[in-house]
Amino acid sequence: MPAGYNDKMIGQNDHANAIRLLRALVARGANSKEPMANAWITQVALEIGLDGDELNSALAYALTQNWLEDSNMTGRTLLTPAGEGAEETS
């Protein structure tokens, strides 16, 4: 296997899982105007089959892409306008 192959595949999976999560969140009413409870995000992720490391990696990827951001409110996360758009274009 070429060097970096695993890293590339992991990055592609993180991207795909982040998009799946964004789509599921938006389909259930998430928008960039209201923070989402982290427990609700986790529940939606579980419903679409993301948990454990896959969920953590998808969330980390979405944060690095500025699709999600930590809210000023404890236990809440914001879907950014870029995150709303990312789920539509990918």
N, C-alpha and C. Protein backbone atom coordinates (compact mmCIF):
# COMPACT_ATOMS: atom_id res chain seq x y z
N MET A 1 0.83 -1.17 0.00
CA MET A 1 0.00 0.00 0.00
C MET A 1 0.89 1.25 0.00
N PRO A 2 0.54 2.25 -0.81
CA PRO A 2 1.36 3.47 -0.84
C PRO A 2 1.31 4.20 0.50
N ALA A 3 2.40 4.92 0.78
CA ALA A 3 2.45 5.70 2.01
C ALA A 3 1.32 6.72 2.00
N GLY A 4 0.67 6.89 3.13
CA GLY A 4 -0.41 7.85 3.26
C GLY A 4 -1.77 7.35 2.81
N TYR A 5 -1.82 6.12 2.27
CA TYR A 5 -3.10 5.58 1.79
C TYR A 5 -4.13 5.52 2.91
N ASN A 6 -3.74 4.98 4.06
CA ASN A 6 -4.68 4.87 5.19
C ASN A 6 -5.15 6.23 5.65
N ASP A 7 -4.23 7.20 5.72
CA ASP A 7 -4.62 8.56 6.12
C ASP A 7 -5.61 9.16 5.14
N LYS A 8 -5.41 8.91 3.85
CA LYS A 8 -6.32 9.44 2.84
C LYS A 8 -7.70 8.81 2.98
N MET A 9 -7.73 7.50 3.21
CA MET A 9 -9.01 6.81 3.37
C MET A 9 -9.73 7.28 4.63
N ILE A 10 -8.99 7.47 5.71
CA ILE A 10 -9.58 7.96 6.94
C ILE A 10 -10.16 9.35 6.72
N GLY A 11 -9.43 10.21 6.03
CA GLY A 11 -9.92 11.55 5.73
C GLY A 11 -11.18 11.53 4.89
N GLN A 12 -11.24 10.63 3.92
CA GLN A 12 -12.43 10.51 3.08
C GLN A 12 -13.62 10.01 3.89
N ASN A 13 -13.38 9.06 4.77
CA ASN A 13 -14.45 8.55 5.63
C ASN A 13 -14.95 9.63 6.58
N ASP A 14 -14.02 10.39 7.16
CA ASP A 14 -14.41 11.48 8.06
C ASP A 14 -15.27 12.49 7.33
N HIS A 15 -14.87 12.84 6.11
CA HIS A 15 -15.64 13.79 5.30
C HIS A 15 -17.04 13.24 5.02
N ALA A 16 -17.10 12.00 4.57
CA ALA A 16 -18.39 11.38 4.24
C ALA A 16 -19.28 11.28 5.47
N ASN A 17 -18.71 10.89 6.60
CA ASN A 17 -19.51 10.77 7.82
C ASN A 17 -19.97 12.14 8.32
N ALA A 18 -19.13 13.15 8.20
CA ALA A 18 -19.53 14.50 8.61
C ALA A 18 -20.69 14.98 7.74
N ILE A 19 -20.63 14.74 6.45
CA ILE A 19 -21.71 15.15 5.55
C ILE A 19 -22.99 14.39 5.89
N ARG A 20 -22.87 13.09 6.13
CA ARG A 20 -24.06 12.30 6.53
C ARG A 20 -24.70 12.89 7.79
N LEU A 21 -23.87 13.24 8.75
CA LEU A 21 -24.38 13.80 10.00
C LEU A 21 -25.04 15.15 9.74
N LEU A 22 -24.40 16.02 8.97
CA LEU A 22 -25.00 17.33 8.66
C LEU A 22 -26.35 17.18 7.97
N ARG A 23 -26.41 16.28 7.01
CA ARG A 23 -27.67 16.05 6.31
C ARG A 23 -28.76 15.58 7.26
N ALA A 24 -28.41 14.67 8.15
CA ALA A 24 -29.39 14.15 9.10
C ALA A 24 -29.84 15.24 10.07
N LEU A 25 -28.91 16.08 10.52
CA LEU A 25 -29.27 17.16 11.43
C LEU A 25 -30.20 18.16 10.76
N VAL A 26 -29.87 18.55 9.54
CA VAL A 26 -30.71 19.51 8.81
C VAL A 26 -32.08 18.91 8.51
N ALA A 27 -32.11 17.63 8.15
CA ALA A 27 -33.38 16.96 7.87
C ALA A 27 -34.29 16.94 9.10
N ARG A 28 -33.67 16.99 10.27
CA ARG A 28 -34.45 16.97 11.51
C ARG A 28 -34.66 18.37 12.09
N GLY A 29 -34.35 19.39 11.28
CA GLY A 29 -34.68 20.75 11.67
C GLY A 29 -33.55 21.64 12.15
N ALA A 30 -32.31 21.15 12.15
CA ALA A 30 -31.20 22.00 12.58
C ALA A 30 -31.00 23.14 11.59
N ASN A 31 -30.59 24.28 12.12
CA ASN A 31 -30.26 25.42 11.26
C ASN A 31 -29.19 26.25 11.95
N SER A 32 -28.67 27.23 11.24
CA SER A 32 -27.56 28.02 11.76
C SER A 32 -28.00 29.12 12.71
N LYS A 33 -29.28 29.22 12.96
CA LYS A 33 -29.78 30.28 13.83
C LYS A 33 -29.93 29.86 15.30
N GLU A 34 -29.99 28.55 15.56
CA GLU A 34 -30.19 28.06 16.92
C GLU A 34 -29.16 26.99 17.27
N PRO A 35 -28.55 27.10 18.44
CA PRO A 35 -27.62 26.04 18.88
C PRO A 35 -28.36 24.72 19.09
N MET A 36 -27.64 23.65 18.89
CA MET A 36 -28.19 22.31 19.06
C MET A 36 -27.62 21.70 20.34
N ALA A 37 -28.43 20.98 21.07
CA ALA A 37 -27.94 20.26 22.25
C ALA A 37 -27.02 19.14 21.78
N ASN A 38 -25.88 19.02 22.42
CA ASN A 38 -24.93 17.97 22.05
C ASN A 38 -25.55 16.58 22.19
N ALA A 39 -26.41 16.39 23.18
CA ALA A 39 -27.08 15.10 23.36
C ALA A 39 -27.97 14.80 22.15
N TRP A 40 -28.61 15.80 21.59
CA TRP A 40 -29.45 15.60 20.41
C TRP A 40 -28.59 15.23 19.20
N ILE A 41 -27.46 15.90 19.05
CA ILE A 41 -26.54 15.57 17.94
C ILE A 41 -26.12 14.11 18.05
N THR A 42 -25.77 13.69 19.25
CA THR A 42 -25.36 12.30 19.46
C THR A 42 -26.50 11.34 19.13
N GLN A 43 -27.72 11.67 19.53
CA GLN A 43 -28.88 10.83 19.24
C GLN A 43 -29.09 10.69 17.73
N VAL A 44 -29.00 11.81 17.01
CA VAL A 44 -29.16 11.77 15.56
C VAL A 44 -28.04 10.92 14.94
N ALA A 45 -26.83 11.09 15.43
CA ALA A 45 -25.70 10.31 14.91
C ALA A 45 -25.93 8.81 15.12
N LEU A 46 -26.41 8.44 16.28
CA LEU A 46 -26.70 7.03 16.55
C LEU A 46 -27.77 6.50 15.61
N GLU A 47 -28.77 7.33 15.34
CA GLU A 47 -29.85 6.91 14.43
C GLU A 47 -29.34 6.61 13.03
N ILE A 48 -28.26 7.29 12.60
CA ILE A 48 -27.73 7.03 11.26
C ILE A 48 -26.53 6.09 11.29
N GLY A 49 -26.26 5.51 12.46
CA GLY A 49 -25.22 4.49 12.57
C GLY A 49 -23.83 5.01 12.86
N LEU A 50 -23.71 6.24 13.34
CA LEU A 50 -22.40 6.78 13.72
C LEU A 50 -22.29 6.73 15.24
N ASP A 51 -21.22 6.12 15.72
CA ASP A 51 -20.95 6.16 17.14
C ASP A 51 -19.46 5.97 17.37
N GLY A 52 -19.04 6.11 18.59
CA GLY A 52 -17.65 5.90 18.95
C GLY A 52 -16.69 6.76 18.15
N ASP A 53 -15.64 6.12 17.66
CA ASP A 53 -14.59 6.83 16.93
C ASP A 53 -15.11 7.47 15.66
N GLU A 54 -16.05 6.80 14.97
CA GLU A 54 -16.60 7.39 13.74
C GLU A 54 -17.31 8.71 14.04
N LEU A 55 -18.08 8.74 15.10
CA LEU A 55 -18.77 9.97 15.47
C LEU A 55 -17.77 11.04 15.87
N ASN A 56 -16.82 10.68 16.71
CA ASN A 56 -15.83 11.66 17.15
C ASN A 56 -15.03 12.22 15.99
N SER A 57 -14.65 11.37 15.05
CA SER A 57 -13.91 11.83 13.88
C SER A 57 -14.76 12.71 12.98
N ALA A 58 -16.03 12.35 12.80
CA ALA A 58 -16.93 13.16 11.98
C ALA A 58 -17.12 14.54 12.60
N LEU A 59 -17.31 14.58 13.91
CA LEU A 59 -17.46 15.87 14.59
C LEU A 59 -16.19 16.70 14.50
N ALA A 60 -15.05 16.07 14.72
CA ALA A 60 -13.78 16.78 14.63
C ALA A 60 -13.57 17.34 13.22
N TYR A 61 -13.89 16.54 12.22
CA TYR A 61 -13.76 16.99 10.83
C TYR A 61 -14.68 18.18 10.57
N ALA A 62 -15.93 18.08 11.02
CA ALA A 62 -16.89 19.18 10.81
C ALA A 62 -16.43 20.45 11.51
N LEU A 63 -15.83 20.32 12.67
CA LEU A 63 -15.30 21.49 13.38
C LEU A 63 -14.13 22.11 12.63
N THR A 64 -13.23 21.28 12.10
CA THR A 64 -12.07 21.83 11.38
C THR A 64 -12.48 22.48 10.06
N GLN A 65 -13.61 22.05 9.49
CA GLN A 65 -14.10 22.64 8.25
C GLN A 65 -14.99 23.86 8.51
N ASN A 66 -15.17 24.20 9.79
CA ASN A 66 -16.03 25.31 10.20
C ASN A 66 -17.48 25.07 9.81
N TRP A 67 -17.90 23.81 9.79
CA TRP A 67 -19.29 23.45 9.55
C TRP A 67 -20.07 23.45 10.86
N LEU A 68 -19.36 23.19 11.94
CA LEU A 68 -19.91 23.25 13.30
C LEU A 68 -18.96 24.09 14.13
N GLU A 69 -19.50 24.70 15.18
CA GLU A 69 -18.63 25.40 16.13
C GLU A 69 -19.23 25.29 17.52
N ASP A 70 -18.33 25.35 18.49
CA ASP A 70 -18.78 25.30 19.88
C ASP A 70 -19.60 26.55 20.17
N SER A 71 -20.69 26.36 20.86
CA SER A 71 -21.56 27.46 21.27
C SER A 71 -21.03 28.07 22.56
N ASN A 72 -21.43 29.28 22.85
CA ASN A 72 -21.11 29.90 24.13
C ASN A 72 -21.91 29.26 25.26
N MET A 73 -22.89 28.45 24.89
CA MET A 73 -23.74 27.78 25.87
C MET A 73 -23.22 26.37 26.12
N THR A 74 -23.06 26.02 27.36
CA THR A 74 -22.55 24.70 27.73
C THR A 74 -23.45 23.59 27.17
N GLY A 75 -22.80 22.59 26.56
CA GLY A 75 -23.56 21.44 26.06
C GLY A 75 -24.27 21.69 24.75
N ARG A 76 -23.87 22.75 24.03
CA ARG A 76 -24.53 23.07 22.76
C ARG A 76 -23.49 23.35 21.69
N THR A 77 -23.88 23.07 20.46
CA THR A 77 -23.03 23.27 19.29
C THR A 77 -23.84 24.00 18.24
N LEU A 78 -23.17 24.86 17.49
CA LEU A 78 -23.83 25.61 16.42
C LEU A 78 -23.53 24.99 15.06
N LEU A 79 -24.55 24.89 14.24
CA LEU A 79 -24.38 24.57 12.83
C LEU A 79 -24.11 25.91 12.15
N THR A 80 -23.02 26.03 11.44
CA THR A 80 -22.70 27.29 10.79
C THR A 80 -23.40 27.39 9.44
N PRO A 81 -23.51 28.59 8.87
CA PRO A 81 -24.05 28.69 7.52
C PRO A 81 -23.27 27.83 6.52
N ALA A 82 -21.95 27.76 6.71
CA ALA A 82 -21.13 26.89 5.84
C ALA A 82 -21.53 25.44 6.00
N GLY A 83 -21.87 25.04 7.23
CA GLY A 83 -22.32 23.66 7.48
C GLY A 83 -23.65 23.38 6.84
N GLU A 84 -24.55 24.36 6.88
CA GLU A 84 -25.84 24.20 6.20
C GLU A 84 -25.63 24.01 4.70
N GLY A 85 -24.72 24.78 4.13
CA GLY A 85 -24.43 24.68 2.70
C GLY A 85 -23.66 23.43 2.32
N ALA A 86 -22.79 22.98 3.21
CA ALA A 86 -21.97 21.80 2.91
C ALA A 86 -22.81 20.57 2.72
N GLU A 87 -23.87 20.44 3.50
CA GLU A 87 -24.71 19.25 3.39
C GLU A 87 -25.46 19.22 2.07
N GLU A 88 -25.64 20.39 1.46
CA GLU A 88 -26.37 20.46 0.18
C GLU A 88 -25.47 20.20 -1.02
N THR A 89 -24.19 20.57 -0.90
CA THR A 89 -23.32 20.54 -2.07
C THR A 89 -22.44 19.30 -2.17
N SER A 90 -22.28 18.56 -1.10
CA SER A 90 -21.36 17.41 -1.15
C SER A 90 -22.08 16.14 -1.48
